[in-house]
PDB file of all heavy atoms in Angstrom:
ATOM      1  N   GLU A   1       0.794  -1.199  -0.009  1.00  0.00           N
ATOM      2  CA  GLU A   1      -0.021  -0.045   0.008  1.00  0.00           C
ATOM      3  C   GLU A   1       0.876   1.273  -0.013  1.00  0.00           C
ATOM      4  O   GLU A   1       0.551   2.238  -0.695  1.00  0.00           O
ATOM      5  CB  GLU A   1      -0.937  -0.081   1.213  1.00  0.00           C
ATOM      6  CG  GLU A   1      -2.040  -1.051   1.147  1.00  0.00           C
ATOM      7  CD  GLU A   1      -2.923  -1.070   2.400  1.00  0.00           C
ATOM      8  OE1 GLU A   1      -2.541  -0.383   3.362  1.00  0.00           O
ATOM      9  OE2 GLU A   1      -3.977  -1.765   2.351  1.00  0.00           O
ATOM     10  N   ALA A   2       1.958   1.235   0.739  1.00  0.00           N
ATOM     11  CA  ALA A   2       2.834   2.386   0.854  1.00  0.00           C
ATOM     12  C   ALA A   2       3.466   2.640  -0.560  1.00  0.00           C
ATOM     13  O   ALA A   2       3.626   3.784  -1.007  1.00  0.00           O
ATOM     14  CB  ALA A   2       3.985   2.100   1.887  1.00  0.00           C
ATOM     15  N   LYS A   3       3.905   1.489  -1.276  1.00  0.00           N
ATOM     16  CA  LYS A   3       4.494   1.690  -2.613  1.00  0.00           C
ATOM     17  C   LYS A   3       3.490   2.301  -3.544  1.00  0.00           C
ATOM     18  O   LYS A   3       3.840   3.105  -4.383  1.00  0.00           O
ATOM     19  CB  LYS A   3       5.053   0.346  -3.022  1.00  0.00           C
ATOM     20  CG  LYS A   3       6.370  -0.117  -2.352  1.00  0.00           C
ATOM     21  CD  LYS A   3       6.824  -1.408  -2.885  1.00  0.00           C
ATOM     22  CE  LYS A   3       8.091  -1.809  -2.194  1.00  0.00           C
ATOM     23  NZ  LYS A   3       8.633  -3.179  -2.742  1.00  0.00           N
ATOM     24  N   ALA A   4       2.259   1.665  -3.392  1.00  0.00           N
ATOM     25  CA  ALA A   4       1.223   2.158  -4.295  1.00  0.00           C
ATOM     26  C   ALA A   4       0.953   3.675  -4.122  1.00  0.00           C
ATOM     27  O   ALA A   4       0.857   4.457  -5.090  1.00  0.00           O
ATOM     28  CB  ALA A   4      -0.031   1.400  -4.169  1.00  0.00           C
ATOM     29  N   GLN A   5       0.900   4.071  -2.830  1.00  0.00           N
ATOM     30  CA  GLN A   5       0.649   5.476  -2.576  1.00  0.00           C
ATOM     31  C   GLN A   5       1.869   6.315  -3.081  1.00  0.00           C
ATOM     32  O   GLN A   5       1.628   7.465  -3.640  1.00  0.00           O
ATOM     33  CB  GLN A   5       0.504   5.643  -1.018  1.00  0.00           C
ATOM     34  CG  GLN A   5      -0.797   5.063  -0.527  1.00  0.00           C
ATOM     35  CD  GLN A   5      -0.922   5.195   1.001  1.00  0.00           C
ATOM     36  OE1 GLN A   5      -0.044   5.721   1.613  1.00  0.00           O
ATOM     37  NE2 GLN A   5      -2.010   4.804   1.544  1.00  0.00           N
ATOM     38  N   ALA A   6       3.069   5.794  -2.936  1.00  0.00           N
ATOM     39  CA  ALA A   6       4.185   6.513  -3.388  1.00  0.00           C
ATOM     40  C   ALA A   6       4.237   6.719  -4.890  1.00  0.00           C
ATOM     41  O   ALA A   6       4.545   7.804  -5.440  1.00  0.00           O
ATOM     42  CB  ALA A   6       5.528   5.854  -2.914  1.00  0.00           C
ATOM     43  N   ASN A   7       3.813   5.557  -5.620  1.00  0.00           N
ATOM     44  CA  ASN A   7       3.751   5.644  -7.067  1.00  0.00           C
ATOM     45  C   ASN A   7       2.693   6.592  -7.473  1.00  0.00           C
ATOM     46  O   ASN A   7       2.803   7.298  -8.559  1.00  0.00           O
ATOM     47  CB  ASN A   7       3.506   4.279  -7.667  1.00  0.00           C
ATOM     48  CG  ASN A   7       4.647   3.339  -7.498  1.00  0.00           C
ATOM     49  OD1 ASN A   7       5.795   3.801  -7.344  1.00  0.00           O
ATOM     50  ND2 ASN A   7       4.460   2.081  -7.386  1.00  0.00           N
ATOM     51  N   GLU A   8       1.596   6.640  -6.756  1.00  0.00           N
ATOM     52  CA  GLU A   8       0.541   7.558  -7.128  1.00  0.00           C
ATOM     53  C   GLU A   8       0.966   9.009  -6.996  1.00  0.00           C
ATOM     54  O   GLU A   8       0.709   9.869  -7.878  1.00  0.00           O
ATOM     55  CB  GLU A   8      -0.703   7.252  -6.251  1.00  0.00           C
ATOM     56  CG  GLU A   8      -1.855   8.104  -6.614  1.00  0.00           C
ATOM     57  CD  GLU A   8      -3.069   7.860  -5.760  1.00  0.00           C
ATOM     58  OE1 GLU A   8      -3.036   6.869  -4.914  1.00  0.00           O
ATOM     59  OE2 GLU A   8      -4.150   8.465  -5.887  1.00  0.00           O
ATOM     60  N   LEU A   9       1.707   9.217  -5.909  1.00  0.00           N
ATOM     61  CA  LEU A   9       2.222  10.624  -5.664  1.00  0.00           C
ATOM     62  C   LEU A   9       3.216  11.015  -6.774  1.00  0.00           C
ATOM     63  O   LEU A   9       3.235  12.124  -7.278  1.00  0.00           O
ATOM     64  CB  LEU A   9       2.792  10.732  -4.306  1.00  0.00           C
ATOM     65  CG  LEU A   9       1.918  10.618  -3.130  1.00  0.00           C
ATOM     66  CD1 LEU A   9       2.675  10.578  -1.844  1.00  0.00           C
ATOM     67  CD2 LEU A   9       0.970  11.783  -3.087  1.00  0.00           C
ATOM     68  N   ILE A  10       4.100  10.045  -7.174  1.00  0.00           N
ATOM     69  CA  ILE A  10       5.056  10.299  -8.142  1.00  0.00           C
ATOM     70  C   ILE A  10       4.407  10.619  -9.487  1.00  0.00           C
ATOM     71  O   ILE A  10       4.720  11.470 -10.251  1.00  0.00           O
ATOM     72  CB  ILE A  10       6.095   9.107  -8.293  1.00  0.00           C
ATOM     73  CG1 ILE A  10       6.879   8.926  -7.086  1.00  0.00           C
ATOM     74  CG2 ILE A  10       6.906   9.168  -9.497  1.00  0.00           C
ATOM     75  CD1 ILE A  10       7.716   7.732  -7.032  1.00  0.00           C
ATOM     76  N   GLU A  11       3.351   9.713  -9.802  1.00  0.00           N
ATOM     77  CA  GLU A  11       2.655   9.911 -11.089  1.00  0.00           C
ATOM     78  C   GLU A  11       1.955  11.244 -11.124  1.00  0.00           C
ATOM     79  O   GLU A  11       1.970  11.920 -12.195  1.00  0.00           O
ATOM     80  CB  GLU A  11       1.556   8.799 -11.196  1.00  0.00           C
ATOM     81  CG  GLU A  11       0.862   8.940 -12.552  1.00  0.00           C
ATOM     82  CD  GLU A  11      -0.156   7.701 -12.707  1.00  0.00           C
ATOM     83  OE1 GLU A  11      -0.230   6.909 -11.721  1.00  0.00           O
ATOM     84  OE2 GLU A  11      -0.959   7.788 -13.638  1.00  0.00           O
ATOM     85  N   LYS A  12       1.362  11.697 -10.017  1.00  0.00           N
ATOM     86  CA  LYS A  12       0.744  12.993  -9.973  1.00  0.00           C
ATOM     87  C   LYS A  12       1.754  14.147 -10.150  1.00  0.00           C
ATOM     88  O   LYS A  12       1.481  15.190 -10.694  1.00  0.00           O
ATOM     89  CB  LYS A  12      -0.067  13.165  -8.696  1.00  0.00           C
ATOM     90  CG  LYS A  12      -1.245  12.319  -8.712  1.00  0.00           C
ATOM     91  CD  LYS A  12      -2.075  12.460  -7.285  1.00  0.00           C
ATOM     92  CE  LYS A  12      -3.274  11.632  -7.302  1.00  0.00           C
ATOM     93  NZ  LYS A  12      -4.027  11.888  -6.132  1.00  0.00           N
ATOM     94  N   SER A  13       2.970  13.911  -9.597  1.00  0.00           N
ATOM     95  CA  SER A  13       3.993  14.984  -9.588  1.00  0.00           C
ATOM     96  C   SER A  13       4.742  15.078 -10.942  1.00  0.00           C
ATOM     97  O   SER A  13       5.404  16.062 -11.225  1.00  0.00           O
ATOM     98  CB  SER A  13       5.003  14.782  -8.487  1.00  0.00           C
ATOM     99  OG  SER A  13       5.752  13.496  -8.667  1.00  0.00           O
ATOM    100  N   LEU A  14       4.729  14.021 -11.813  1.00  0.00           N
ATOM    101  CA  LEU A  14       5.400  14.091 -13.078  1.00  0.00           C
ATOM    102  C   LEU A  14       4.589  14.810 -14.135  1.00  0.00           C
ATOM    103  O   LEU A  14       3.917  14.217 -14.954  1.00  0.00           O
ATOM    104  CB  LEU A  14       5.670  12.591 -13.465  1.00  0.00           C
ATOM    105  CG  LEU A  14       6.672  11.867 -12.648  1.00  0.00           C
ATOM    106  CD1 LEU A  14       6.900  10.433 -13.174  1.00  0.00           C
ATOM    107  CD2 LEU A  14       8.025  12.586 -12.517  1.00  0.00           C
ATOM    108  N   THR A  15       4.692  16.139 -14.092  1.00  0.00           N
ATOM    109  CA  THR A  15       3.997  16.960 -15.141  1.00  0.00           C
ATOM    110  C   THR A  15       4.892  17.006 -16.401  1.00  0.00           C
ATOM    111  O   THR A  15       6.168  16.589 -16.336  1.00  0.00           O
ATOM    112  CB  THR A  15       3.754  18.353 -14.588  1.00  0.00           C
ATOM    113  OG1 THR A  15       4.998  18.955 -14.346  1.00  0.00           O
ATOM    114  CG2 THR A  15       2.834  18.317 -13.317  1.00  0.00           C
ATOM    115  N   GLU A  16       4.402  17.626 -17.507  1.00  0.00           N
ATOM    116  CA  GLU A  16       5.205  17.737 -18.710  1.00  0.00           C
ATOM    117  C   GLU A  16       6.390  18.541 -18.540  1.00  0.00           C
ATOM    118  O   GLU A  16       7.512  18.169 -19.033  1.00  0.00           O
ATOM    119  CB  GLU A  16       4.338  18.233 -19.835  1.00  0.00           C
ATOM    120  CG  GLU A  16       4.986  18.240 -21.205  1.00  0.00           C
ATOM    121  CD  GLU A  16       4.089  18.796 -22.323  1.00  0.00           C
ATOM    122  OE1 GLU A  16       2.865  18.945 -21.944  1.00  0.00           O
ATOM    123  OE2 GLU A  16       4.575  19.014 -23.404  1.00  0.00           O
ATOM    124  N   ASN A  17       6.343  19.685 -17.868  1.00  0.00           N
ATOM    125  CA  ASN A  17       7.473  20.458 -17.623  1.00  0.00           C
ATOM    126  C   ASN A  17       8.516  19.809 -16.782  1.00  0.00           C
ATOM    127  O   ASN A  17       9.714  19.988 -17.045  1.00  0.00           O
ATOM    128  CB  ASN A  17       7.060  21.799 -17.026  1.00  0.00           C
ATOM    129  CG  ASN A  17       6.179  22.606 -17.904  1.00  0.00           C
ATOM    130  OD1 ASN A  17       6.388  22.525 -19.164  1.00  0.00           O
ATOM    131  ND2 ASN A  17       5.268  23.459 -17.357  1.00  0.00           N
ATOM    132  N   VAL A  18       8.066  19.090 -15.806  1.00  0.00           N
ATOM    133  CA  VAL A  18       8.938  18.414 -14.913  1.00  0.00           C
ATOM    134  C   VAL A  18       9.776  17.329 -15.715  1.00  0.00           C
ATOM    135  O   VAL A  18      10.959  17.200 -15.561  1.00  0.00           O
ATOM    136  CB  VAL A  18       8.278  17.733 -13.705  1.00  0.00           C
ATOM    137  CG1 VAL A  18       9.217  16.836 -12.923  1.00  0.00           C
ATOM    138  CG2 VAL A  18       7.753  18.790 -12.766  1.00  0.00           C
ATOM    139  N   LEU A  19       9.021  16.570 -16.504  1.00  0.00           N
ATOM    140  CA  LEU A  19       9.727  15.558 -17.308  1.00  0.00           C
ATOM    141  C   LEU A  19      10.730  16.123 -18.253  1.00  0.00           C
ATOM    142  O   LEU A  19      11.758  15.664 -18.469  1.00  0.00           O
ATOM    143  CB  LEU A  19       8.628  14.755 -18.093  1.00  0.00           C
ATOM    144  CG  LEU A  19       7.688  13.837 -17.285  1.00  0.00           C
ATOM    145  CD1 LEU A  19       6.593  13.226 -18.177  1.00  0.00           C
ATOM    146  CD2 LEU A  19       8.558  12.755 -16.604  1.00  0.00           C
ATOM    147  N   ARG A  20      10.336  17.353 -18.933  1.00  0.00           N
ATOM    148  CA  ARG A  20      11.250  17.955 -19.843  1.00  0.00           C
ATOM    149  C   ARG A  20      12.452  18.431 -19.036  1.00  0.00           C
ATOM    150  O   ARG A  20      13.541  18.346 -19.607  1.00  0.00           O
ATOM    151  CB  ARG A  20      10.553  19.149 -20.561  1.00  0.00           C
ATOM    152  CG  ARG A  20      11.398  19.869 -21.636  1.00  0.00           C
ATOM    153  CD  ARG A  20      10.673  20.970 -22.267  1.00  0.00           C
ATOM    154  NE  ARG A  20       9.536  20.509 -23.048  1.00  0.00           N
ATOM    155  CZ  ARG A  20       8.280  20.812 -22.721  1.00  0.00           C
ATOM    156  NH1 ARG A  20       8.052  21.586 -21.609  1.00  0.00           N
ATOM    157  NH2 ARG A  20       7.311  20.326 -23.407  1.00  0.00           N
ATOM    158  N   TYR A  21      12.263  18.949 -17.937  1.00  0.00           N
ATOM    159  CA  TYR A  21      13.345  19.520 -17.096  1.00  0.00           C
ATOM    160  C   TYR A  21      14.309  18.309 -16.728  1.00  0.00           C
ATOM    161  O   TYR A  21      15.545  18.413 -16.905  1.00  0.00           O
ATOM    162  CB  TYR A  21      12.817  20.176 -15.843  1.00  0.00           C
ATOM    163  CG  TYR A  21      13.914  20.597 -14.926  1.00  0.00           C
ATOM    164  CD1 TYR A  21      14.753  21.733 -15.132  1.00  0.00           C
ATOM    165  CD2 TYR A  21      14.218  19.812 -13.764  1.00  0.00           C
ATOM    166  CE1 TYR A  21      15.866  22.000 -14.255  1.00  0.00           C
ATOM    167  CE2 TYR A  21      15.213  20.167 -12.939  1.00  0.00           C
ATOM    168  CZ  TYR A  21      15.935  21.235 -13.143  1.00  0.00           C
ATOM    169  OH  TYR A  21      17.033  21.571 -12.295  1.00  0.00           O
ATOM    170  N   GLN A  22      13.745  17.134 -16.228  1.00  0.00           N
ATOM    171  CA  GLN A  22      14.527  16.069 -15.872  1.00  0.00           C
ATOM    172  C   GLN A  22      15.292  15.464 -17.066  1.00  0.00           C
ATOM    173  O   GLN A  22      16.459  15.049 -16.970  1.00  0.00           O
ATOM    174  CB  GLN A  22      13.714  14.985 -15.201  1.00  0.00           C
ATOM    175  CG  GLN A  22      13.188  15.351 -13.863  1.00  0.00           C
ATOM    176  CD  GLN A  22      12.429  14.201 -13.267  1.00  0.00           C
ATOM    177  OE1 GLN A  22      12.069  13.315 -13.915  1.00  0.00           O
ATOM    178  NE2 GLN A  22      12.093  14.427 -11.969  1.00  0.00           N
ATOM    179  N   MET A  23      14.593  15.532 -18.261  1.00  0.00           N
ATOM    180  CA  MET A  23      15.278  14.992 -19.511  1.00  0.00           C
ATOM    181  C   MET A  23      16.478  15.886 -19.876  1.00  0.00           C
ATOM    182  O   MET A  23      17.545  15.461 -20.261  1.00  0.00           O
ATOM    183  CB  MET A  23      14.255  15.011 -20.554  1.00  0.00           C
ATOM    184  CG  MET A  23      14.820  14.453 -21.999  1.00  0.00           C
ATOM    185  SD  MET A  23      13.690  14.505 -23.246  1.00  0.00           S
ATOM    186  CE  MET A  23      13.534  16.199 -23.534  1.00  0.00           C
ATOM    187  N   LEU A  24      16.289  17.171 -19.739  1.00  0.00           N
ATOM    188  CA  LEU A  24      17.389  18.121 -19.970  1.00  0.00           C
ATOM    189  C   LEU A  24      18.540  17.969 -18.988  1.00  0.00           C
ATOM    190  O   LEU A  24      19.714  18.155 -19.392  1.00  0.00           O
ATOM    191  CB  LEU A  24      16.828  19.578 -19.976  1.00  0.00           C
ATOM    192  CG  LEU A  24      15.889  19.916 -21.168  1.00  0.00           C
ATOM    193  CD1 LEU A  24      15.376  21.370 -20.979  1.00  0.00           C
ATOM    194  CD2 LEU A  24      16.612  19.863 -22.547  1.00  0.00           C
ATOM    195  N   GLN A  25      18.161  17.586 -17.761  1.00  0.00           N
ATOM    196  CA  GLN A  25      19.201  17.468 -16.748  1.00  0.00           C
ATOM    197  C   GLN A  25      20.092  16.289 -17.046  1.00  0.00           C
ATOM    198  O   GLN A  25      21.319  16.337 -16.750  1.00  0.00           O
ATOM    199  CB  GLN A  25      18.564  17.311 -15.391  1.00  0.00           C
ATOM    200  CG  GLN A  25      17.877  18.525 -14.816  1.00  0.00           C
ATOM    201  CD  GLN A  25      18.934  19.692 -14.517  1.00  0.00           C
ATOM    202  OE1 GLN A  25      20.024  19.374 -14.058  1.00  0.00           O
ATOM    203  NE2 GLN A  25      18.615  20.859 -14.868  1.00  0.00           N
ATOM    204  N   ILE A  26      19.558  15.283 -17.631  1.00  0.00           N
ATOM    205  CA  ILE A  26      20.378  14.085 -17.900  1.00  0.00           C
ATOM    206  C   ILE A  26      20.888  13.990 -19.360  1.00  0.00           C
ATOM    207  O   ILE A  26      21.512  13.040 -19.797  1.00  0.00           O
ATOM    208  CB  ILE A  26      19.544  12.755 -17.536  1.00  0.00           C
ATOM    209  CG1 ILE A  26      18.396  12.675 -18.488  1.00  0.00           C
ATOM    210  CG2 ILE A  26      19.140  12.740 -16.074  1.00  0.00           C
ATOM    211  CD1 ILE A  26      17.596  11.346 -18.301  1.00  0.00           C
ATOM    212  N   TRP A  27      20.409  14.991 -20.345  1.00  0.00           N
ATOM    213  CA  TRP A  27      20.899  14.975 -21.775  1.00  0.00           C
ATOM    214  C   TRP A  27      22.306  15.372 -21.882  1.00  0.00           C
ATOM    215  O   TRP A  27      22.802  16.301 -21.261  1.00  0.00           O
ATOM    216  CB  TRP A  27      20.002  15.933 -22.498  1.00  0.00           C
ATOM    217  CG  TRP A  27      20.176  15.885 -24.007  1.00  0.00           C
ATOM    218  CD1 TRP A  27      20.358  14.743 -24.782  1.00  0.00           C
ATOM    219  CD2 TRP A  27      20.341  16.943 -24.812  1.00  0.00           C
ATOM    220  NE1 TRP A  27      20.576  15.035 -26.063  1.00  0.00           N
ATOM    221  CE2 TRP A  27      20.542  16.450 -26.204  1.00  0.00           C
ATOM    222  CE3 TRP A  27      20.262  18.347 -24.730  1.00  0.00           C
ATOM    223  CZ2 TRP A  27      20.776  17.234 -27.299  1.00  0.00           C
ATOM    224  CZ3 TRP A  27      20.392  19.146 -25.885  1.00  0.00           C
ATOM    225  CH2 TRP A  27      20.631  18.618 -27.201  1.00  0.00           C
ATOM    226  N   ASP A  28      23.098  14.573 -22.669  1.00  0.00           N
ATOM    227  CA  ASP A  28      24.553  14.832 -22.843  1.00  0.00           C
ATOM    228  C   ASP A  28      24.799  15.701 -24.047  1.00  0.00           C
ATOM    229  O   ASP A  28      25.947  15.861 -24.445  1.00  0.00           O
ATOM    230  CB  ASP A  28      25.244  13.504 -23.044  1.00  0.00           C
ATOM    231  CG  ASP A  28      24.716  12.663 -24.190  1.00  0.00           C
ATOM    232  OD1 ASP A  28      23.692  13.215 -24.795  1.00  0.00           O
ATOM    233  OD2 ASP A  28      25.210  11.542 -24.458  1.00  0.00           O
ATOM    234  N   GLY A  29      23.764  16.290 -24.637  1.00  0.00           N
ATOM    235  CA  GLY A  29      24.057  17.180 -25.820  1.00  0.00           C
ATOM    236  C   GLY A  29      24.008  16.648 -27.154  1.00  0.00           C
ATOM    237  O   GLY A  29      24.129  17.257 -28.103  1.00  0.00           O
ATOM    238  N   LYS A  30      23.852  15.287 -27.192  1.00  0.00           N
ATOM    239  CA  LYS A  30      23.886  14.630 -28.536  1.00  0.00           C
ATOM    240  C   LYS A  30      22.445  14.290 -28.935  1.00  0.00           C
ATOM    241  O   LYS A  30      21.626  13.971 -28.153  1.00  0.00           O
ATOM    242  CB  LYS A  30      24.617  13.266 -28.346  1.00  0.00           C
ATOM    243  CG  LYS A  30      26.086  13.408 -28.022  1.00  0.00           C
ATOM    244  CD  LYS A  30      26.753  12.043 -27.855  1.00  0.00           C
ATOM    245  CE  LYS A  30      28.167  12.176 -27.494  1.00  0.00           C
ATOM    246  NZ  LYS A  30      28.842  10.905 -27.349  1.00  0.00           N
ATOM    247  N   LEU A  31      22.265  14.453 -30.297  1.00  0.00           N
ATOM    248  CA  LEU A  31      20.909  14.164 -30.841  1.00  0.00           C
ATOM    249  C   LEU A  31      20.729  12.694 -30.978  1.00  0.00           C
ATOM    250  O   LEU A  31      21.726  11.891 -31.071  1.00  0.00           O
ATOM    251  CB  LEU A  31      20.860  14.752 -32.259  1.00  0.00           C
ATOM    252  CG  LEU A  31      20.897  16.331 -32.257  1.00  0.00           C
ATOM    253  CD1 LEU A  31      20.946  16.894 -33.764  1.00  0.00           C
ATOM    254  CD2 LEU A  31      19.661  16.905 -31.566  1.00  0.00           C
ATOM    255  N   PRO A  32      19.504  12.236 -30.983  1.00  0.00           N
ATOM    256  CA  PRO A  32      19.222  10.772 -31.141  1.00  0.00           C
ATOM    257  C   PRO A  32      19.605  10.232 -32.449  1.00  0.00           C
ATOM    258  O   PRO A  32      19.572  11.007 -33.478  1.00  0.00           O
ATOM    259  CB  PRO A  32      17.791  10.662 -30.794  1.00  0.00           C
ATOM    260  CG  PRO A  32      17.177  12.047 -31.198  1.00  0.00           C
ATOM    261  CD  PRO A  32      18.244  13.017 -30.797  1.00  0.00           C
ATOM    262  N   ALA A  33      20.058   9.025 -32.625  1.00  0.00           N
ATOM    263  CA  ALA A  33      20.573   8.410 -33.818  1.00  0.00           C
ATOM    264  C   ALA A  33      19.325   7.680 -34.525  1.00  0.00           C
ATOM    265  O   ALA A  33      19.375   7.422 -35.618  1.00  0.00           O
ATOM    266  CB  ALA A  33      21.698   7.424 -33.613  1.00  0.00           C
TER     267      ALA A  33
END
């Protein structure tokens, strides 16, 4: 139940801007092949 609640909170917190920001944080500057 705790994991489910945590996943639910994570799911609610992952907005489009957040995902884009996190993607930019881990991008190495190379374009996809």
